[in-house]
Protein backbone atom coordinates (compact mmCIF):
# COMPACT_ATOMS: atom_id res chain seq x y z
CA MET A 1 91.36 -40.27 50.85
CA SER A 2 90.71 -38.68 47.48
CA LEU A 3 87.37 -38.80 45.68
CA LEU A 4 88.88 -40.88 42.89
CA ARG A 5 90.24 -43.49 45.29
CA PHE A 6 86.96 -43.60 47.21
CA ILE A 7 84.93 -44.09 44.02
CA LYS A 8 87.26 -46.88 42.86
CA GLU A 9 87.23 -48.73 46.21
CA ASN A 10 83.62 -48.38 47.30
CA LYS A 11 81.45 -51.27 46.12
CA ASN A 12 78.28 -49.15 46.23
CA THR A 13 79.60 -46.68 43.64
CA ARG A 14 78.22 -48.84 40.81
CA LYS A 15 74.71 -48.56 42.26
CA ILE A 16 74.76 -44.86 41.41
CA PHE A 17 77.21 -44.49 38.53
CA GLY A 18 77.55 -46.63 35.41
CA LYS A 19 80.92 -47.95 34.19
CA ARG A 20 81.15 -45.28 31.50
CA GLU A 21 80.34 -42.52 34.02
CA LEU A 22 83.07 -43.79 36.34
CA LYS A 23 85.57 -43.70 33.47
CA ILE A 24 84.51 -40.10 32.67
CA ILE A 25 84.90 -39.09 36.35
CA GLU A 26 88.37 -40.66 36.44
CA LYS A 27 89.44 -38.92 33.21
CA GLN A 28 88.11 -35.57 34.45
CA LEU A 29 89.85 -35.84 37.84
CA LEU A 30 93.14 -36.88 36.21
CA GLY A 31 92.96 -34.03 33.68
CA ILE A 32 92.64 -36.28 30.62
CA ASN A 33 90.81 -34.62 27.72
CA LEU A 34 87.18 -35.68 27.33
CA THR A 35 85.35 -36.18 24.05
CA GLN A 36 82.38 -33.90 23.38
CA SER A 37 80.04 -36.78 24.19
CA GLU A 38 81.81 -37.34 27.53
CA LYS A 39 81.67 -33.60 28.33
CA ASN A 40 77.93 -33.64 27.65
CA ARG A 41 77.46 -36.66 29.90
CA LEU A 42 79.57 -35.04 32.62
CA SER A 43 77.45 -31.90 32.72
CA ARG A 44 74.08 -33.51 31.95
CA ASP A 45 74.23 -36.55 34.25
CA ILE A 46 77.29 -36.91 36.46
CA ARG A 47 77.46 -33.41 37.96
CA GLN A 48 73.71 -33.48 38.60
CA LYS A 49 74.06 -36.77 40.49
CA PHE A 50 76.82 -35.26 42.63
CA GLU A 51 74.71 -32.14 43.21
CA PHE A 52 71.81 -34.32 44.37
CA ILE A 53 74.12 -36.31 46.67
CA LYS A 54 75.37 -33.04 48.17
CA ASP A 55 71.82 -31.73 48.69
CA VAL A 56 70.43 -34.93 50.17
CA SER A 57 73.41 -35.46 52.51
CA ARG A 58 71.93 -33.00 55.03
CA PHE A 59 69.25 -35.61 55.73
CA SER A 60 71.79 -38.34 56.45
CA GLU A 61 70.30 -39.10 59.88
CA GLU A 62 67.13 -40.21 58.08
CA PHE A 63 68.87 -42.48 55.53
CA LYS A 64 68.07 -45.61 57.51
CA LEU A 65 64.41 -45.05 56.53
CA LYS A 66 63.04 -46.03 59.93
CA LYS A 67 59.37 -46.95 59.72
CA GLY A 68 57.08 -44.12 60.78
CA ASN A 69 59.90 -41.62 61.32
CA GLU A 70 57.95 -38.68 59.85
CA ILE A 71 54.81 -39.60 61.79
CA LYS A 72 56.79 -39.78 65.05
CA LYS A 73 58.18 -36.30 64.37
CA ILE A 74 54.68 -34.92 63.75
CA ILE A 75 53.35 -36.58 66.92
CA ASN A 76 56.20 -35.21 69.06
CA GLN A 77 55.86 -31.71 67.58
CA THR A 78 52.11 -31.80 68.24
CA LYS A 79 52.65 -32.96 71.82
CA GLU A 80 55.07 -30.07 72.41
CA ILE A 81 52.64 -27.56 70.90
CA ILE A 82 49.83 -28.86 73.14
CA LEU A 83 52.05 -28.69 76.24
CA GLU A 84 53.00 -25.08 75.43
CA ASP A 85 49.36 -23.97 75.38
CA ILE A 86 47.92 -21.64 78.02
CA LEU A 87 45.75 -24.51 79.29
CA PHE A 88 48.86 -26.59 80.07
CA LYS A 89 48.01 -26.80 83.78
CA LYS A 90 44.63 -28.36 82.95
CA ILE A 91 46.06 -31.11 80.75
CA LYS A 92 45.83 -34.54 82.41
CA LYS A 93 46.72 -36.75 79.45
CA ILE A 94 47.61 -36.64 75.78
CA ILE A 95 46.65 -39.87 74.04
CA LEU A 96 47.38 -41.11 70.53
CA PHE A 97 44.61 -43.27 69.10
CA GLY A 98 43.18 -44.56 65.83
CA SER A 99 45.11 -45.93 62.86
CA ALA A 100 48.45 -44.57 64.11
CA THR A 101 48.35 -46.84 67.18
CA GLU A 102 46.98 -49.82 65.29
CA ASN A 103 49.74 -49.72 62.64
CA LYS A 104 47.14 -49.22 59.89
CA LEU A 105 48.24 -45.86 58.49
CA THR A 106 47.62 -45.02 54.84
CA PHE A 107 48.51 -41.92 52.84
CA ARG A 108 45.06 -40.53 53.64
CA SER A 109 45.12 -41.36 57.36
CA ASP A 110 45.02 -38.60 59.91
CA ILE A 111 46.82 -38.68 63.25
CA ASP A 112 44.25 -38.79 66.02
CA ILE A 113 45.24 -37.24 69.33
CA ALA A 114 42.91 -36.90 72.31
CA VAL A 115 43.62 -34.44 75.10
CA LYS A 116 42.09 -35.12 78.50
CA LEU A 117 41.66 -31.91 80.44
CA ASP A 118 40.71 -31.11 84.01
CA LYS A 119 37.30 -29.39 84.27
CA ILE A 120 36.87 -27.58 80.99
CA SER A 121 33.78 -26.04 79.41
CA LEU A 122 32.75 -26.90 75.87
CA LYS A 123 33.50 -23.32 74.81
CA GLU A 124 37.02 -23.46 76.29
CA ALA A 125 37.57 -26.89 74.72
CA THR A 126 36.53 -25.60 71.30
CA LYS A 127 38.88 -22.61 71.57
CA PHE A 128 41.69 -24.95 72.64
CA ARG A 129 41.10 -27.20 69.60
CA ILE A 130 41.06 -24.21 67.24
CA ARG A 131 44.28 -22.81 68.74
CA ILE A 132 46.10 -26.12 68.49
CA ALA A 133 44.71 -26.97 65.02
CA GLY A 134 46.16 -23.68 63.72
CA LYS A 135 49.65 -24.67 64.84
CA VAL A 136 49.85 -28.35 63.85
CA PRO A 137 49.87 -30.00 60.40
CA ASN A 138 46.46 -30.56 58.75
CA ARG A 139 46.99 -34.28 59.10
CA VAL A 140 46.61 -34.06 62.90
CA ASP A 141 43.11 -34.32 64.37
CA ILE A 142 42.89 -33.02 67.94
CA GLN A 143 39.96 -34.20 70.04
CA ILE A 144 38.99 -33.27 73.58
CA TYR A 145 38.63 -36.56 75.45
CA ASN A 146 36.16 -35.07 77.95
CA TYR A 147 33.58 -34.41 75.20
CA LEU A 148 33.94 -37.57 73.13
CA PRO A 149 31.17 -40.22 73.00
CA LYS A 150 31.56 -43.09 75.50
CA LYS A 151 32.18 -45.59 72.69
CA ILE A 152 35.21 -43.63 71.45
CA LYS A 153 36.47 -43.03 75.00
CA LYS A 154 36.33 -46.77 75.61
CA GLU A 155 38.32 -47.46 72.43
CA ILE A 156 40.89 -44.83 73.42
CA ASP A 157 41.19 -46.34 76.91
CA ILE A 158 41.78 -49.81 75.45
CA LYS A 159 43.90 -49.12 72.35
CA GLY A 160 45.28 -45.61 72.94
CA LYS A 161 48.94 -44.86 73.55
CA ILE A 162 49.64 -42.30 76.28
CA LEU A 163 52.01 -39.59 75.05
CA TYR A 164 51.85 -37.49 78.23
CA LYS A 165 50.38 -38.02 81.67
CA LYS A 166 50.33 -35.62 84.60
């Protein structure tokens, strides 16, 4: 199928291109001379729209705009980074908590992740947090479950979502 035929038959074409633009595209593809005004419109608007379509097409798997898709990617990347750490053998659980689990995310929300470790000193825990924080996006807040206040632990136990469990 040619571009011209596709543009003429696809009902969504008009959502991107105006009637006049479609006429200019048709004239250009058929080799019909364009007026100066049409040439300007072709280079100023139409070609730029096609260039954008070409550039954005590499993200086609994301076009469905699934809710929370970017957040899910960040969470999964963070989980993988945590599991690749030298303390991997000590990790009991990785738990997502806070606004991300309660469906209350805003642009300013962070992504709270608690890591429950087997017998770890405060010094080791701090080094672990620093190592992980340096590898994950700033939006991610890593906490060591073992050293959190009881109130927060209780909230995590009730509302948290387990991302990994040994």
